[in-house]
Amino acid sequence: MKKILLAVAAAALMAIGAQAGETEEISEYSFTGMEHYVGITANINQTSERLSDIDFGGYGGNEFTNAGFGIVAGKKLMQRDHIDVFVEGRIQKSFLMDEGENIGTSSYALYLKPQFTVFKHINLYGLLGVNMMKFEERNHKVTITKSSPAAGVGIQMNARSNLAFILDAIWSGTDAQLNIFQEPVTHATLNVGVLYRF
């Protein structure tokens, strides 16, 4: 009887140790327990004709480039191995960079964000969702609001604390027909930001 009790106790200790080791490995890479985040972003954004080149250079009569800022918030939906899936919301506002930039924008977006851990503190992610864009034409004093599909890619670098840094690019195309263009427009943003995870 004593041998059976010792064997059961040893097996229980081994199981607890294995479980603890497994938990430590998962938390090291996937940051288990950090289910939410909030943050701020700065961006360069460009409104251009659907068929024009997007280079964020701000040159040419068929593209307008501005600077902006935004806020971001996210919540984890699920976690499996080294893949986390979040739902993320963003609000962004742009400002005219100079007198030649005749289009200002603001947007409200909701994304599904799968995030892949590639190294210990580096994640790659995608963004897929819908973007509610508001275009303001300064010369014509016209405001147009349109929803559009949006997609993006990015990289996240996790600090050892609760902070993380992101860099991403997002594209959205709409059927908005602005007076200044001959074709429907596309909108692109290049974003850099910092997140607080909790």
Foldseek 3Di string as FASTA:
>chain_A
DVVVVVVVVVVVVVVVVVVVVVVVVQCQAQVPPQFKKKWKKKKKKKKFFPPDDDDSPQDDLGMAIWIKMKMKMWGWDDDDRQKTKIKMKMWMWTDHPDPVRFKTKIKIWIWIKIWGGDDRFKIKIKTWTKMWMWIAGRVVRDIDTDMWIKMKIKMWGHDPAQKIKIWMKMKTFTQDDDPSDPHGMIMMMTMIIMMGTD
